[in-house]
Amino acid sequence: MRAAATGAAPARWAPAWIIDAHCHAGPGDGFTGPWDTSARLGRYLRRCDEAGIGRSNLLAAFHSDYAVANDEVGRIVAARPDRFFGFAFVHADRDRGRILPMVRRAVADLGFCGIKVHRHDARINREICDVARRFGLPVLYDLMGEVTTAELLAEEYPDVDFVIPHLGSFADDWSAQLTFCGLLADWPNLYTDTSGVRRFDLLEKAVRGAGPHKVLFGTDGPWLHPGLELEKVRMLRLPPTQESLILAGNFLRLTRAVRSRHRRVAAAGQHASSPGLPPTTGPCDPALQATGLPAGCRRTLESPRAASRPLPRLR
């Protein structure tokens, strides 16, 4: 019997994984508000379970020493590597001269797959962008409304992917967000996330103008409700293949290079300790396998040209 005849809502396809690409975790030490005091995950994770959000990308809370804060996030990720990814938070001024060793440790020892920078600390600089380029890492940069900076970054570092959260302004600066929608469409290495975006029409404009391959699902948790943030993506009423890009595929694609290196290192260590095991081969990304996407969609997302061609239809 058709849903229209019974009054039931039609069933919606959804990937087995939904990834929150923007969630804070661990203690801060500023004590001016929740953002620099403590980012506890207990209630957030319960809400994720209720909403069907299976994985989260963790970033430190504001802290006076991000090397310490990143280690704490690393411990959380290591305790549940099947649940969490991690990005290294750096301070553009205070960490000047040590960005490279900080990020190297975050990638090699903590298994992180990106860099986080916040304009509240200081403006991003070339040292950070050069390190991101060296390691092939995306940069999540909250530029606090200074959206013209995004164009300068995109032009100077065309081989670095920049994710500008909140459509460029958590403060709900309509003019900044509107301007950024145009930049998002113009520059192939600029991306955004959905976290904290309150003007739904602008979110629609961003997806329509730049394409769903340029938008990541994020919550800015644990302080914003993940279920509420997810519903904004649902309300876009996108075809399943496009929605799956926002909910998981784009994050996996942007971090694929560094996660592939992690897998190769892990496989090499396993093979060295167990010589009888065959080496791990093949391009397939286990994270993409676990999303529940059809094989054709997974192959497309694994391709370096995934953003420039349409996904195959779901059957």
Protein backbone atom coordinates (compact mmCIF):
# COMPACT_ATOMS: atom_id res chain seq x y z
CA MET A 1 0.00 0.00 0.00
CA ARG A 2 1.35 3.42 -0.87
CA ALA A 3 2.41 5.79 1.92
CA ALA A 4 -0.03 8.44 0.66
CA ALA A 5 -2.95 6.09 1.22
CA THR A 6 -1.95 5.26 4.77
CA GLY A 7 -0.71 8.67 5.86
CA ALA A 8 2.74 7.22 6.63
CA ALA A 9 5.85 9.10 5.62
CA PRO A 10 7.81 7.51 2.77
CA ALA A 11 10.91 5.62 3.85
CA ARG A 12 14.17 7.54 3.46
CA TRP A 13 17.44 5.97 2.47
CA ALA A 14 20.35 6.90 4.72
CA PRO A 15 23.99 5.81 4.89
CA ALA A 16 24.98 3.51 7.73
CA TRP A 17 27.44 6.19 8.77
CA ILE A 18 26.68 9.83 9.37
CA ILE A 19 29.80 11.79 10.30
CA ASP A 20 29.73 14.97 12.36
CA ALA A 21 32.75 16.75 10.91
CA HIS A 22 32.92 19.42 13.64
CA CYS A 23 32.72 18.54 17.34
CA HIS A 24 34.87 19.77 20.23
CA ALA A 25 36.10 17.54 23.03
CA GLY A 26 38.20 17.67 26.17
CA PRO A 27 39.01 20.33 28.76
CA GLY A 28 39.87 23.97 28.16
CA ASP A 29 41.49 26.29 30.66
CA GLY A 30 40.09 29.75 29.98
CA PHE A 31 36.93 29.60 32.12
CA THR A 32 35.09 32.34 30.23
CA GLY A 33 32.38 29.99 28.92
CA PRO A 34 31.73 26.38 27.93
CA TRP A 35 33.87 26.82 24.79
CA ASP A 36 37.10 27.17 26.82
CA THR A 37 36.16 25.29 29.99
CA SER A 38 35.01 21.78 29.10
CA ALA A 39 33.63 19.95 26.07
CA ARG A 40 32.09 16.86 27.65
CA LEU A 41 30.79 14.26 25.24
CA GLY A 42 28.38 12.17 27.33
CA ARG A 43 25.12 13.93 26.55
CA TYR A 44 26.25 14.73 23.01
CA LEU A 45 26.93 11.05 22.26
CA ARG A 46 23.54 10.00 23.61
CA ARG A 47 21.91 12.53 21.32
CA CYS A 48 24.02 11.29 18.39
CA ASP A 49 22.84 7.75 19.06
CA GLU A 50 19.24 8.91 19.04
CA ALA A 51 19.77 10.81 15.77
CA GLY A 52 21.73 8.04 14.04
CA ILE A 53 25.04 9.90 13.89
CA GLY A 54 27.65 7.16 13.99
CA ARG A 55 30.98 9.00 13.92
CA SER A 56 32.40 12.36 14.95
CA ASN A 57 35.49 14.39 14.12
CA LEU A 58 36.91 15.80 17.35
CA LEU A 59 38.72 19.10 17.92
CA ALA A 60 40.03 20.52 21.17
CA ALA A 61 38.22 23.22 23.13
CA PHE A 62 39.97 26.60 23.33
CA HIS A 63 43.14 26.10 25.36
CA SER A 64 46.33 27.93 26.36
CA ASP A 65 48.46 25.00 25.13
CA TYR A 66 47.11 23.11 22.13
CA ALA A 67 49.86 20.49 22.32
CA VAL A 68 48.36 19.44 25.66
CA ALA A 69 44.79 19.77 24.40
CA ASN A 70 45.51 17.72 21.27
CA ASP A 71 46.98 14.94 23.39
CA GLU A 72 43.77 14.82 25.41
CA VAL A 73 41.70 14.59 22.23
CA GLY A 74 44.10 11.92 21.01
CA ARG A 75 43.38 9.83 24.11
CA ILE A 76 39.65 10.09 23.44
CA VAL A 77 40.12 9.07 19.79
CA ALA A 78 42.44 6.19 20.71
CA ALA A 79 39.89 4.84 23.19
CA ARG A 80 37.24 4.59 20.43
CA PRO A 81 38.93 4.68 17.02
CA ASP A 82 35.82 3.16 15.46
CA ARG A 83 33.80 6.17 16.67
CA PHE A 84 36.11 9.18 16.38
CA PHE A 85 38.40 11.01 13.99
CA GLY A 86 40.60 13.90 15.13
CA PHE A 87 41.98 17.23 13.90
CA ALA A 88 45.00 19.02 15.41
CA PHE A 89 44.16 22.44 16.86
CA VAL A 90 46.94 25.02 16.51
CA HIS A 91 47.34 28.68 17.52
CA ALA A 92 48.74 30.74 14.66
CA ASP A 93 50.71 33.12 16.93
CA ARG A 94 51.45 31.21 20.12
CA ASP A 95 52.50 28.05 18.25
CA ARG A 96 54.56 29.92 15.68
CA GLY A 97 57.74 27.99 14.93
CA ARG A 98 56.40 24.68 16.27
CA ILE A 99 53.45 24.03 13.94
CA LEU A 100 55.37 21.39 11.99
CA PRO A 101 56.35 19.20 14.98
CA MET A 102 52.91 19.63 16.53
CA VAL A 103 51.13 18.50 13.37
CA ARG A 104 53.66 15.76 12.67
CA ARG A 105 53.01 14.29 16.12
CA ALA A 106 49.24 14.66 15.71
CA VAL A 107 49.30 12.80 12.41
CA ALA A 108 51.96 10.16 13.13
CA ASP A 109 51.26 9.42 16.81
CA LEU A 110 47.63 10.42 17.35
CA GLY A 111 46.27 9.40 13.95
CA PHE A 112 44.70 12.81 13.23
CA CYS A 113 43.62 13.72 9.71
CA GLY A 114 43.32 17.53 9.60
CA ILE A 115 44.15 20.90 11.18
CA LYS A 116 41.85 23.29 13.07
CA VAL A 117 42.52 27.03 13.37
CA HIS A 118 40.32 29.75 14.88
CA ARG A 119 40.41 33.49 14.22
CA HIS A 120 39.49 34.01 17.91
CA ASP A 121 43.06 32.91 18.67
CA ALA A 122 44.81 34.58 15.73
CA ARG A 123 44.63 34.86 11.96
CA ILE A 124 45.85 31.87 9.99
CA ASN A 125 49.37 32.19 8.56
CA ARG A 126 51.63 30.68 5.91
CA GLU A 127 53.33 28.38 8.39
CA ILE A 128 50.04 26.55 8.99
CA CYS A 129 49.15 26.41 5.29
CA ASP A 130 52.62 25.16 4.35
CA VAL A 131 52.38 22.36 6.92
CA ALA A 132 48.90 21.44 5.68
CA ARG A 133 50.27 21.24 2.14
CA ARG A 134 53.23 19.13 3.28
CA PHE A 135 51.03 16.54 4.99
CA GLY A 136 48.09 16.71 2.58
CA LEU A 137 45.69 17.81 5.31
CA PRO A 138 42.44 19.80 5.10
CA VAL A 139 42.29 22.92 7.25
CA LEU A 140 39.14 23.78 9.21
CA TYR A 141 39.45 27.55 9.70
CA ASP A 142 36.83 29.59 11.52
CA LEU A 143 37.53 33.04 10.13
CA MET A 144 34.77 34.75 12.17
CA GLY A 145 33.20 36.67 9.29
CA GLU A 146 36.45 37.72 7.58
CA VAL A 147 35.31 35.87 4.47
CA THR A 148 37.54 37.66 1.96
CA THR A 149 40.44 35.85 3.63
CA ALA A 150 39.01 32.62 2.21
CA GLU A 151 39.60 33.80 -1.35
CA LEU A 152 43.19 34.75 -0.57
CA LEU A 153 43.83 31.34 0.98
CA ALA A 154 42.21 29.48 -1.90
CA GLU A 155 44.27 31.37 -4.48
CA GLU A 156 47.60 31.15 -2.64
CA TYR A 157 47.21 27.47 -1.74
CA PRO A 158 45.21 25.81 -4.53
CA ASP A 159 46.42 22.37 -3.41
CA VAL A 160 45.14 22.77 0.16
CA ASP A 161 41.47 22.20 1.02
CA PHE A 162 39.98 24.79 3.38
CA VAL A 163 36.75 24.08 5.23
CA ILE A 164 35.22 27.37 6.43
CA PRO A 165 32.59 26.45 9.04
CA HIS A 166 29.25 28.16 9.67
CA LEU A 167 29.12 29.52 6.08
CA GLY A 168 31.79 31.92 7.29
CA SER A 169 30.09 33.36 10.36
CA PHE A 170 28.87 31.68 13.54
CA ALA A 171 27.67 35.14 14.57
CA ASP A 172 24.96 34.97 11.88
CA ASP A 173 26.45 37.79 9.80
CA TRP A 174 24.13 37.65 6.78
CA SER A 175 26.37 39.78 4.57
CA ALA A 176 29.44 37.64 5.31
CA GLN A 177 27.56 34.40 4.71
CA LEU A 178 26.04 35.67 1.47
CA THR A 179 29.46 36.72 0.21
CA PHE A 180 30.94 33.38 1.17
CA CYS A 181 28.27 31.50 -0.80
CA GLY A 182 29.71 33.08 -3.94
CA LEU A 183 33.29 32.24 -2.97
CA LEU A 184 32.27 28.66 -2.22
CA ALA A 185 31.00 28.28 -5.77
CA ASP A 186 34.01 30.02 -7.32
CA TRP A 187 36.91 28.19 -5.66
CA PRO A 188 37.28 24.40 -5.94
CA ASN A 189 39.33 24.09 -2.73
CA LEU A 190 36.87 25.99 -0.50
CA TYR A 191 34.30 24.03 1.52
CA THR A 192 31.92 24.78 4.36
CA ASP A 193 30.03 22.97 7.07
CA THR A 194 26.44 23.25 8.25
CA SER A 195 27.17 23.81 11.94
CA GLY A 196 25.37 26.71 13.58
CA VAL A 197 23.89 28.04 10.32
CA ARG A 198 20.56 29.61 11.26
CA ARG A 199 19.55 31.22 7.95
CA PHE A 200 18.27 28.16 6.14
CA ASP A 201 17.78 30.03 2.85
CA LEU A 202 21.52 30.72 2.76
CA LEU A 203 22.31 27.06 3.40
CA GLU A 204 20.06 26.16 0.48
CA LYS A 205 21.77 28.80 -1.64
CA ALA A 206 25.21 27.39 -0.81
CA VAL A 207 24.22 23.84 -1.75
CA ARG A 208 22.41 24.93 -4.89
CA GLY A 209 25.15 27.29 -6.07
CA ALA A 210 28.31 25.40 -5.13
CA GLY A 211 26.96 21.85 -5.10
CA PRO A 212 26.52 19.25 -2.34
CA HIS A 213 30.13 18.13 -2.81
CA LYS A 214 31.25 21.43 -1.19
CA VAL A 215 29.30 21.09 2.09
CA LEU A 216 30.04 18.94 5.15
CA PHE A 217 27.64 18.07 7.94
CA GLY A 218 28.84 19.51 11.26
CA THR A 219 27.28 20.37 14.60
CA ASP A 220 29.84 22.44 16.55
CA GLY A 221 29.06 19.97 19.32
CA PRO A 222 28.89 19.14 22.07
CA TRP A 223 27.12 22.44 22.75
CA LEU A 224 24.67 22.41 19.83
CA HIS A 225 22.16 19.56 19.58
CA PRO A 226 23.37 17.11 16.89
CA GLY A 227 19.85 15.95 16.07
CA LEU A 228 18.69 19.50 15.42
CA GLU A 229 21.75 20.22 13.26
CA LEU A 230 21.15 17.02 11.29
CA GLU A 231 17.54 17.95 10.60
CA LYS A 232 18.71 21.00 8.64
CA VAL A 233 20.42 18.68 6.17
CA ARG A 234 17.32 16.48 5.98
CA MET A 235 15.17 19.54 5.28
CA LEU A 236 17.24 20.29 2.17
CA ARG A 237 15.33 17.35 0.60
CA LEU A 238 18.28 16.31 -1.53
CA PRO A 239 18.46 13.11 -3.56
CA PRO A 240 20.04 10.33 -1.47
CA THR A 241 23.37 10.37 -3.31
CA GLN A 242 23.75 14.12 -2.78
CA GLU A 243 22.67 13.97 0.86
CA SER A 244 25.20 11.20 1.50
CA LEU A 245 27.99 13.46 0.26
CA ILE A 246 27.15 16.03 2.93
CA LEU A 247 26.56 13.48 5.68
CA ALA A 248 29.73 11.42 5.17
CA GLY A 249 31.26 11.31 1.71
CA ASN A 250 32.84 14.76 1.57
CA PHE A 251 34.62 14.40 4.90
CA LEU A 252 35.93 10.97 3.91
CA ARG A 253 37.13 12.28 0.56
CA LEU A 254 38.94 15.30 2.03
CA THR A 255 40.73 13.19 4.63
CA ARG A 256 41.29 10.14 2.48
CA ALA A 257 44.96 10.78 1.65
CA VAL A 258 46.15 10.97 5.24
CA ARG A 259 43.88 8.14 6.39
CA SER A 260 45.28 5.98 3.59
CA ARG A 261 48.78 6.64 4.91
CA HIS A 262 47.65 5.63 8.40
CA ARG A 263 46.31 2.36 6.99
CA ARG A 264 49.52 1.64 5.08
CA VAL A 265 51.64 2.25 8.16
CA ALA A 266 49.37 0.06 10.29
CA ALA A 267 49.38 -2.68 7.67
CA ALA A 268 53.17 -2.54 7.36
CA GLY A 269 53.54 -2.87 11.13
CA GLN A 270 51.12 -5.76 11.22
CA HIS A 271 52.91 -7.51 8.36
CA ALA A 272 56.31 -6.99 10.02
CA SER A 273 55.07 -8.50 13.27
CA SER A 274 53.23 -11.33 11.46
CA PRO A 275 55.25 -12.21 8.33
CA GLY A 276 52.78 -14.93 7.36
CA LEU A 277 50.02 -12.39 6.70
CA PRO A 278 49.56 -11.18 3.12
CA PRO A 279 50.16 -7.45 2.59
CA THR A 280 47.16 -5.14 2.41
CA THR A 281 46.50 -4.09 -1.18
CA GLY A 282 43.89 -2.27 -3.20
CA PRO A 283 42.48 1.27 -3.15
CA CYS A 284 39.28 0.53 -1.22
CA ASP A 285 38.76 2.78 1.78
CA PRO A 286 37.31 0.79 4.72
CA ALA A 287 35.62 3.93 5.99
CA LEU A 288 33.74 4.28 2.72
CA GLN A 289 32.83 0.59 2.79
CA ALA A 290 31.26 1.04 6.21
CA THR A 291 29.07 3.97 5.17
CA GLY A 292 26.56 1.64 3.54
CA LEU A 293 26.84 3.48 0.22
CA PRO A 294 26.35 1.32 -2.89
CA ALA A 295 29.60 0.13 -4.47
CA GLY A 296 29.30 2.50 -7.45
CA CYS A 297 29.01 5.51 -5.14
CA ARG A 298 31.98 4.34 -3.09
CA ARG A 299 34.15 3.97 -6.18
CA THR A 300 33.24 7.48 -7.27
CA LEU A 301 34.06 8.97 -3.86
CA GLU A 302 37.41 7.15 -3.83
CA SER A 303 38.37 8.82 -7.09
CA PRO A 304 40.44 12.04 -6.86
CA ARG A 305 38.03 13.56 -9.40
CA ALA A 306 34.95 12.68 -7.36
CA ALA A 307 33.94 16.29 -6.82
CA SER A 308 33.80 17.07 -10.53
CA ARG A 309 31.45 14.39 -11.77
CA PRO A 310 28.00 13.15 -10.74
CA LEU A 311 27.48 10.13 -8.55
CA PRO A 312 25.79 7.06 -10.03
CA ARG A 313 22.11 6.67 -9.30
CA LEU A 314 20.96 4.53 -6.43
CA ARG A 315 18.98 1.49 -7.51
